Amino acid sequence: MSPKIIISCKHASRLLSEQLDHPLSLSQRAFLWIHLTMCTNCVFFGRQIRGLKRLIGLHHEPENELPSPYTSSLSTEVQTRIKLAMREEIR
């Protein structure tokens, strides 16, 4: 029996997600590459999740911290009010 070299879109999307967090094995990369040569939907999905990861990385700041130049000159009460206002603006 020959090995299955074509993976499903579901499997491909899982591999696309996994490769954002850690390197894939050689066989996983090969299966994914074969699938992506035939499936434009998964190519677009891969672009979308990579773009989302970049956007999240650009806008990620710990929510309980203010940039350090401000913390030394502001009282704790003012810092707390700023944090609350920042959270409300995000929503």
C-alpha atoms as a PDB file:
ATOM      1  CA  MET A   1       0.000   0.000   0.000  1.00  0.00           C
ATOM      2  CA  SER A   2       1.464   3.407  -0.954  1.00  0.00           C
ATOM      3  CA  PRO A   3       1.656   6.205   1.607  1.00  0.00           C
ATOM      4  CA  LYS A   4      -0.912   8.990   1.384  1.00  0.00           C
ATOM      5  CA  ILE A   5       0.816  12.170   0.213  1.00  0.00           C
ATOM      6  CA  ILE A   6      -2.263  14.370  -0.141  1.00  0.00           C
ATOM      7  CA  ILE A   7      -3.558  15.887   3.078  1.00  0.00           C
ATOM      8  CA  SER A   8      -6.951  17.471   3.699  1.00  0.00           C
ATOM      9  CA  CYS A   9      -7.550  21.207   4.050  1.00  0.00           C
ATOM     10  CA  LYS A  10      -8.332  20.589   7.721  1.00  0.00           C
ATOM     11  CA  HIS A  11      -4.935  18.944   8.223  1.00  0.00           C
ATOM     12  CA  ALA A  12      -3.207  21.673   6.183  1.00  0.00           C
ATOM     13  CA  SER A  13      -4.802  24.456   8.233  1.00  0.00           C
ATOM     14  CA  ARG A  14      -3.658  22.736  11.436  1.00  0.00           C
ATOM     15  CA  LEU A  15      -0.104  22.541  10.084  1.00  0.00           C
ATOM     16  CA  LEU A  16      -0.221  26.186   8.980  1.00  0.00           C
ATOM     17  CA  SER A  17      -1.234  27.152  12.510  1.00  0.00           C
ATOM     18  CA  GLU A  18       1.356  24.907  14.130  1.00  0.00           C
ATOM     19  CA  GLN A  19       4.206  26.317  12.058  1.00  0.00           C
ATOM     20  CA  LEU A  20       3.557  29.737  13.588  1.00  0.00           C
ATOM     21  CA  ASP A  21       4.510  28.331  16.989  1.00  0.00           C
ATOM     22  CA  HIS A  22       7.271  25.842  16.163  1.00  0.00           C
ATOM     23  CA  PRO A  23       9.125  24.353  13.197  1.00  0.00           C
ATOM     24  CA  LEU A  24       7.430  21.503  11.392  1.00  0.00           C
ATOM     25  CA  SER A  25       9.139  18.192  10.693  1.00  0.00           C
ATOM     26  CA  LEU A  26      10.486  17.542   7.206  1.00  0.00           C
ATOM     27  CA  SER A  27       7.579  15.246   6.353  1.00  0.00           C
ATOM     28  CA  GLN A  28       5.012  17.754   7.645  1.00  0.00           C
ATOM     29  CA  ARG A  29       6.591  20.529   5.561  1.00  0.00           C
ATOM     30  CA  ALA A  30       6.589  18.274   2.491  1.00  0.00           C
ATOM     31  CA  PHE A  31       2.926  17.287   2.901  1.00  0.00           C
ATOM     32  CA  LEU A  32       1.976  20.914   3.483  1.00  0.00           C
ATOM     33  CA  TRP A  33       3.959  22.104   0.460  1.00  0.00           C
ATOM     34  CA  ILE A  34       2.275  19.517  -1.790  1.00  0.00           C
ATOM     35  CA  HIS A  35      -1.143  20.588  -0.521  1.00  0.00           C
ATOM     36  CA  LEU A  36      -0.397  24.301  -0.966  1.00  0.00           C
ATOM     37  CA  THR A  37       0.675  23.782  -4.579  1.00  0.00           C
ATOM     38  CA  MET A  38      -2.875  22.613  -5.308  1.00  0.00           C
ATOM     39  CA  CYS A  39      -5.076  24.591  -2.891  1.00  0.00           C
ATOM     40  CA  THR A  40      -5.291  28.375  -3.184  1.00  0.00           C
ATOM     41  CA  ASN A  41      -7.794  28.536  -0.308  1.00  0.00           C
ATOM     42  CA  CYS A  42      -5.201  27.187   2.107  1.00  0.00           C
ATOM     43  CA  VAL A  43      -2.560  29.522   0.658  1.00  0.00           C
ATOM     44  CA  PHE A  44      -4.857  32.460   1.462  1.00  0.00           C
ATOM     45  CA  PHE A  45      -5.593  31.035   4.911  1.00  0.00           C
ATOM     46  CA  GLY A  46      -1.856  30.809   5.606  1.00  0.00           C
ATOM     47  CA  ARG A  47      -1.385  34.436   4.576  1.00  0.00           C
ATOM     48  CA  GLN A  48      -4.252  35.521   6.796  1.00  0.00           C
ATOM     49  CA  ILE A  49      -3.017  33.796   9.944  1.00  0.00           C
ATOM     50  CA  ARG A  50       0.548  35.061   9.398  1.00  0.00           C
ATOM     51  CA  GLY A  51      -0.842  38.576   8.997  1.00  0.00           C
ATOM     52  CA  LEU A  52      -2.909  38.209  12.155  1.00  0.00           C
ATOM     53  CA  LYS A  53       0.121  37.031  14.088  1.00  0.00           C
ATOM     54  CA  ARG A  54       2.095  40.076  12.893  1.00  0.00           C
ATOM     55  CA  LEU A  55      -0.742  42.428  13.869  1.00  0.00           C
ATOM     56  CA  ILE A  56      -1.101  40.874  17.292  1.00  0.00           C
ATOM     57  CA  GLY A  57       2.641  41.123  17.823  1.00  0.00           C
ATOM     58  CA  LEU A  58       2.680  44.789  16.812  1.00  0.00           C
ATOM     59  CA  HIS A  59      -0.113  45.739  19.193  1.00  0.00           C
ATOM     60  CA  HIS A  60       0.645  43.449  22.098  1.00  0.00           C
ATOM     61  CA  GLU A  61       1.528  45.250  25.293  1.00  0.00           C
ATOM     62  CA  PRO A  62       1.064  43.858  28.767  1.00  0.00           C
ATOM     63  CA  GLU A  63      -2.240  45.329  29.915  1.00  0.00           C
ATOM     64  CA  ASN A  64      -1.112  45.930  33.461  1.00  0.00           C
ATOM     65  CA  GLU A  65       1.988  47.898  32.584  1.00  0.00           C
ATOM     66  CA  LEU A  66       2.540  51.423  31.407  1.00  0.00           C
ATOM     67  CA  PRO A  67       5.666  52.383  29.510  1.00  0.00           C
ATOM     68  CA  SER A  68       8.456  52.959  32.039  1.00  0.00           C
ATOM     69  CA  PRO A  69       9.086  56.698  31.393  1.00  0.00           C
ATOM     70  CA  TYR A  70       5.598  57.420  32.776  1.00  0.00           C
ATOM     71  CA  THR A  71       5.577  55.205  35.835  1.00  0.00           C
ATOM     72  CA  SER A  72       8.212  57.095  37.795  1.00  0.00           C
ATOM     73  CA  SER A  73       6.423  60.451  37.656  1.00  0.00           C
ATOM     74  CA  LEU A  74       2.790  59.352  38.009  1.00  0.00           C
ATOM     75  CA  SER A  75       1.010  58.395  41.179  1.00  0.00           C
ATOM     76  CA  THR A  76      -0.437  54.903  41.505  1.00  0.00           C
ATOM     77  CA  GLU A  77      -3.955  56.337  41.328  1.00  0.00           C
ATOM     78  CA  VAL A  78      -3.252  58.136  38.040  1.00  0.00           C
ATOM     79  CA  GLN A  79      -1.601  55.027  36.591  1.00  0.00           C
ATOM     80  CA  THR A  80      -4.685  52.981  37.497  1.00  0.00           C
ATOM     81  CA  ARG A  81      -7.025  55.510  35.842  1.00  0.00           C
ATOM     82  CA  ILE A  82      -4.902  55.494  32.677  1.00  0.00           C
ATOM     83  CA  LYS A  83      -4.918  51.691  32.548  1.00  0.00           C
ATOM     84  CA  LEU A  84      -8.714  51.643  32.907  1.00  0.00           C
ATOM     85  CA  ALA A  85      -9.107  54.237  30.164  1.00  0.00           C
ATOM     86  CA  MET A  86      -6.793  52.249  27.882  1.00  0.00           C
ATOM     87  CA  ARG A  87      -8.850  49.091  28.437  1.00  0.00           C
ATOM     88  CA  GLU A  88     -12.092  50.940  27.664  1.00  0.00           C
ATOM     89  CA  GLU A  89     -10.607  52.364  24.458  1.00  0.00           C
ATOM     90  CA  ILE A  90      -9.618  48.877  23.271  1.00  0.00           C
ATOM     91  CA  ARG A  91     -13.179  47.599  23.683  1.00  0.00           C
END
